[in-house]
Amino acid sequence: MHTPSAHSGARSPGLDDAVRDAVLEAATAPLAQVFGDRVRVTVERLNRDGDWVFLQSTMRGADGGRPDFAGTSYEAARNDGAVSDVYVALLKKAGHGGVEDDARSWRLTDYATGPTDVAWLTWPDAHEAPHALFGF
């Protein structure tokens, strides 16, 4: 189970918050490895509770449309209708030191690319992360 943090629930880092940029860079690193610059995310939810951050987003192509999965390990599943445009990630700040606005200070704990179900439903218990991050 999760031990409550000193913070009073989840909050979303502000749009001008340098932490937001660092978190998004760390959270989307797996997408960059697979898709390069062909896929971007539109943030639907970006919640923080203490050292934890949860990102729920929609993948978009470079042109703003549906992402192009051609030539990736997701192509066949997409053709079969077994991949969504959803991308979610759970991050934890590394240690008690580190600079929050540096992507290297955030560790990707778990992520799901194109899930067709609520893949993050078990993450609070599996990773001892705050339930409030996920909105349930």
C-alpha atoms as a PDB file:
ATOM      1  CA  MET A   1       0.000   0.000   0.000  1.00  0.00           C
ATOM      2  CA  HIS A   2       0.956   3.614  -0.428  1.00  0.00           C
ATOM      3  CA  THR A   3       2.208   5.642   2.490  1.00  0.00           C
ATOM      4  CA  PRO A   4       0.732   9.151   2.207  1.00  0.00           C
ATOM      5  CA  SER A   5       3.179  11.893   1.320  1.00  0.00           C
ATOM      6  CA  ALA A   6       3.554  15.222   3.065  1.00  0.00           C
ATOM      7  CA  HIS A   7       1.663  16.807   0.151  1.00  0.00           C
ATOM      8  CA  SER A   8      -2.099  17.134   0.279  1.00  0.00           C
ATOM      9  CA  GLY A   9      -3.140  15.307  -2.871  1.00  0.00           C
ATOM     10  CA  ALA A  10      -2.373  15.426  -6.555  1.00  0.00           C
ATOM     11  CA  ARG A  11      -1.887  18.659  -8.462  1.00  0.00           C
ATOM     12  CA  SER A  12      -0.983  19.412 -12.039  1.00  0.00           C
ATOM     13  CA  PRO A  13       2.291  21.237 -12.671  1.00  0.00           C
ATOM     14  CA  GLY A  14       1.506  24.617 -14.235  1.00  0.00           C
ATOM     15  CA  LEU A  15       1.981  25.203 -17.946  1.00  0.00           C
ATOM     16  CA  ASP A  16       4.918  27.491 -17.237  1.00  0.00           C
ATOM     17  CA  ASP A  17       6.396  25.112 -14.698  1.00  0.00           C
ATOM     18  CA  ALA A  18       9.888  23.971 -15.719  1.00  0.00           C
ATOM     19  CA  VAL A  19       9.149  20.696 -13.949  1.00  0.00           C
ATOM     20  CA  ARG A  20       6.420  20.007 -16.518  1.00  0.00           C
ATOM     21  CA  ASP A  21       8.924  20.079 -19.382  1.00  0.00           C
ATOM     22  CA  ALA A  22      11.357  17.811 -17.548  1.00  0.00           C
ATOM     23  CA  VAL A  23       8.629  15.338 -16.619  1.00  0.00           C
ATOM     24  CA  LEU A  24       7.246  15.229 -20.150  1.00  0.00           C
ATOM     25  CA  GLU A  25      10.712  14.636 -21.582  1.00  0.00           C
ATOM     26  CA  ALA A  26      11.314  11.726 -19.210  1.00  0.00           C
ATOM     27  CA  ALA A  27       7.784  10.339 -19.620  1.00  0.00           C
ATOM     28  CA  THR A  28       7.851  10.291 -23.414  1.00  0.00           C
ATOM     29  CA  ALA A  29      11.366   8.880 -23.851  1.00  0.00           C
ATOM     30  CA  PRO A  30       9.974   5.451 -24.876  1.00  0.00           C
ATOM     31  CA  LEU A  31       7.898   7.093 -27.613  1.00  0.00           C
ATOM     32  CA  ALA A  32      10.933   8.942 -28.924  1.00  0.00           C
ATOM     33  CA  GLN A  33      12.884   5.661 -29.069  1.00  0.00           C
ATOM     34  CA  VAL A  34      10.188   3.896 -31.107  1.00  0.00           C
ATOM     35  CA  PHE A  35       8.749   6.729 -33.211  1.00  0.00           C
ATOM     36  CA  GLY A  36      11.423   9.411 -33.268  1.00  0.00           C
ATOM     37  CA  ASP A  37       9.773  12.753 -33.879  1.00  0.00           C
ATOM     38  CA  ARG A  38       6.759  11.242 -35.710  1.00  0.00           C
ATOM     39  CA  VAL A  39       4.658  11.025 -32.539  1.00  0.00           C
ATOM     40  CA  ARG A  40       3.854  13.706 -29.991  1.00  0.00           C
ATOM     41  CA  VAL A  41       1.464  13.692 -27.054  1.00  0.00           C
ATOM     42  CA  THR A  42      -1.459  15.878 -26.140  1.00  0.00           C
ATOM     43  CA  VAL A  43      -1.644  15.961 -22.353  1.00  0.00           C
ATOM     44  CA  GLU A  44      -5.028  14.948 -20.965  1.00  0.00           C
ATOM     45  CA  ARG A  45      -3.919  14.595 -17.339  1.00  0.00           C
ATOM     46  CA  LEU A  46      -0.604  15.428 -15.695  1.00  0.00           C
ATOM     47  CA  ASN A  47      -0.856  14.971 -11.944  1.00  0.00           C
ATOM     48  CA  ARG A  48       1.783  15.216  -9.272  1.00  0.00           C
ATOM     49  CA  ASP A  49       1.733  14.043  -5.683  1.00  0.00           C
ATOM     50  CA  GLY A  50       5.061  14.524  -3.908  1.00  0.00           C
ATOM     51  CA  ASP A  51       7.727  12.601  -5.815  1.00  0.00           C
ATOM     52  CA  TRP A  52       5.204  10.925  -8.133  1.00  0.00           C
ATOM     53  CA  VAL A  53       3.811  12.064 -11.501  1.00  0.00           C
ATOM     54  CA  PHE A  54       1.166  10.424 -13.686  1.00  0.00           C
ATOM     55  CA  LEU A  55       0.742  11.362 -17.345  1.00  0.00           C
ATOM     56  CA  GLN A  56      -2.328  10.410 -19.355  1.00  0.00           C
ATOM     57  CA  SER A  57      -2.159  11.584 -22.935  1.00  0.00           C
ATOM     58  CA  THR A  58      -3.235  11.071 -26.523  1.00  0.00           C
ATOM     59  CA  MET A  59      -0.606  10.285 -29.135  1.00  0.00           C
ATOM     60  CA  ARG A  60      -0.674  12.470 -32.232  1.00  0.00           C
ATOM     61  CA  GLY A  61       1.266  12.441 -35.461  1.00  0.00           C
ATOM     62  CA  ALA A  62       3.626  15.291 -36.289  1.00  0.00           C
ATOM     63  CA  ASP A  63       0.777  16.822 -38.333  1.00  0.00           C
ATOM     64  CA  GLY A  64      -1.627  16.654 -35.374  1.00  0.00           C
ATOM     65  CA  GLY A  65      -3.573  13.709 -36.782  1.00  0.00           C
ATOM     66  CA  ARG A  66      -3.493  10.029 -35.882  1.00  0.00           C
ATOM     67  CA  PRO A  67      -0.013   8.705 -35.131  1.00  0.00           C
ATOM     68  CA  ASP A  68       1.824   6.823 -37.866  1.00  0.00           C
ATOM     69  CA  PHE A  69       2.845   3.399 -36.565  1.00  0.00           C
ATOM     70  CA  ALA A  70       4.284   2.186 -39.895  1.00  0.00           C
ATOM     71  CA  GLY A  71       7.554   0.343 -39.517  1.00  0.00           C
ATOM     72  CA  THR A  72       7.233  -0.067 -35.742  1.00  0.00           C
ATOM     73  CA  SER A  73       6.406  -3.006 -33.510  1.00  0.00           C
ATOM     74  CA  TYR A  74       2.911  -1.499 -33.121  1.00  0.00           C
ATOM     75  CA  GLU A  75       2.034  -1.527 -36.840  1.00  0.00           C
ATOM     76  CA  ALA A  76       0.400  -4.967 -37.021  1.00  0.00           C
ATOM     77  CA  ALA A  77      -1.592  -4.449 -33.833  1.00  0.00           C
ATOM     78  CA  ARG A  78      -2.785  -1.055 -35.101  1.00  0.00           C
ATOM     79  CA  ASN A  79      -3.875  -2.638 -38.398  1.00  0.00           C
ATOM     80  CA  ASP A  80      -5.854  -5.191 -36.362  1.00  0.00           C
ATOM     81  CA  GLY A  81      -7.483  -2.438 -34.293  1.00  0.00           C
ATOM     82  CA  ALA A  82      -5.714  -3.572 -31.134  1.00  0.00           C
ATOM     83  CA  VAL A  83      -3.875  -0.310 -30.348  1.00  0.00           C
ATOM     84  CA  SER A  84      -5.377   2.918 -29.078  1.00  0.00           C
ATOM     85  CA  ASP A  85      -3.947   6.438 -29.308  1.00  0.00           C
ATOM     86  CA  VAL A  86      -3.508   6.543 -25.517  1.00  0.00           C
ATOM     87  CA  TYR A  87      -0.120   6.872 -23.837  1.00  0.00           C
ATOM     88  CA  VAL A  88       0.271   6.779 -20.059  1.00  0.00           C
ATOM     89  CA  ALA A  89       3.331   6.976 -17.856  1.00  0.00           C
ATOM     90  CA  LEU A  90       4.144   6.869 -14.163  1.00  0.00           C
ATOM     91  CA  LEU A  91       7.281   8.596 -12.959  1.00  0.00           C
ATOM     92  CA  LYS A  92       9.023   8.985  -9.634  1.00  0.00           C
ATOM     93  CA  LYS A  93      11.601  11.564  -8.691  1.00  0.00           C
ATOM     94  CA  ALA A  94      14.954   9.869  -8.179  1.00  0.00           C
ATOM     95  CA  GLY A  95      16.178  10.123  -4.598  1.00  0.00           C
ATOM     96  CA  HIS A  96      15.755  13.132  -2.390  1.00  0.00           C
ATOM     97  CA  GLY A  97      18.301  15.192  -4.289  1.00  0.00           C
ATOM     98  CA  GLY A  98      18.311  16.103  -7.918  1.00  0.00           C
ATOM     99  CA  VAL A  99      16.942  19.072  -9.724  1.00  0.00           C
ATOM    100  CA  GLU A 100      13.228  18.761 -10.446  1.00  0.00           C
ATOM    101  CA  ASP A 101      13.455  20.621 -13.742  1.00  0.00           C
ATOM    102  CA  ASP A 102      15.994  18.128 -15.137  1.00  0.00           C
ATOM    103  CA  ALA A 103      14.535  15.103 -16.942  1.00  0.00           C
ATOM    104  CA  ARG A 104      17.349  12.958 -15.521  1.00  0.00           C
ATOM    105  CA  SER A 105      15.873  13.496 -12.054  1.00  0.00           C
ATOM    106  CA  TRP A 106      12.713  11.584 -13.008  1.00  0.00           C
ATOM    107  CA  ARG A 107      12.565   7.805 -13.393  1.00  0.00           C
ATOM    108  CA  LEU A 108       9.999   6.116 -15.578  1.00  0.00           C
ATOM    109  CA  THR A 109       8.353   3.571 -13.277  1.00  0.00           C
ATOM    110  CA  ASP A 110       5.825   2.205 -15.750  1.00  0.00           C
ATOM    111  CA  TYR A 111       4.177   3.132 -19.034  1.00  0.00           C
ATOM    112  CA  ALA A 112       1.720   1.836 -21.596  1.00  0.00           C
ATOM    113  CA  THR A 113       1.688   2.673 -25.290  1.00  0.00           C
ATOM    114  CA  GLY A 114      -1.648   2.220 -27.029  1.00  0.00           C
ATOM    115  CA  PRO A 115      -3.475   0.261 -24.335  1.00  0.00           C
ATOM    116  CA  THR A 116      -7.006  -0.866 -25.139  1.00  0.00           C
ATOM    117  CA  ASP A 117      -7.935  -1.149 -21.469  1.00  0.00           C
ATOM    118  CA  VAL A 118      -7.099   0.745 -18.259  1.00  0.00           C
ATOM    119  CA  ALA A 119      -3.542  -0.595 -18.069  1.00  0.00           C
ATOM    120  CA  TRP A 120      -2.706   1.748 -15.181  1.00  0.00           C
ATOM    121  CA  LEU A 121      -5.469   0.451 -12.905  1.00  0.00           C
ATOM    122  CA  THR A 122      -3.031  -1.694 -10.900  1.00  0.00           C
ATOM    123  CA  TRP A 123      -0.178   0.833 -10.793  1.00  0.00           C
ATOM    124  CA  PRO A 124      -1.035   2.439  -7.441  1.00  0.00           C
ATOM    125  CA  ASP A 125      -0.699  -0.856  -5.618  1.00  0.00           C
ATOM    126  CA  ALA A 126       1.991  -2.386  -7.833  1.00  0.00           C
ATOM    127  CA  HIS A 127       4.301   0.617  -7.400  1.00  0.00           C
ATOM    128  CA  GLU A 128       3.031   1.950  -4.051  1.00  0.00           C
ATOM    129  CA  ALA A 129       2.033   5.179  -5.782  1.00  0.00           C
ATOM    130  CA  PRO A 130      -0.650   7.551  -4.469  1.00  0.00           C
ATOM    131  CA  HIS A 131      -4.145   6.639  -5.687  1.00  0.00           C
ATOM    132  CA  ALA A 132      -4.979  10.357  -5.987  1.00  0.00           C
ATOM    133  CA  LEU A 133      -2.591  10.653  -8.957  1.00  0.00           C
ATOM    134  CA  PHE A 134      -4.832   8.536 -11.111  1.00  0.00           C
ATOM    135  CA  GLY A 135      -8.164  10.085 -10.238  1.00  0.00           C
ATOM    136  CA  PHE A 136      -9.564   6.931  -8.667  1.00  0.00           C
END
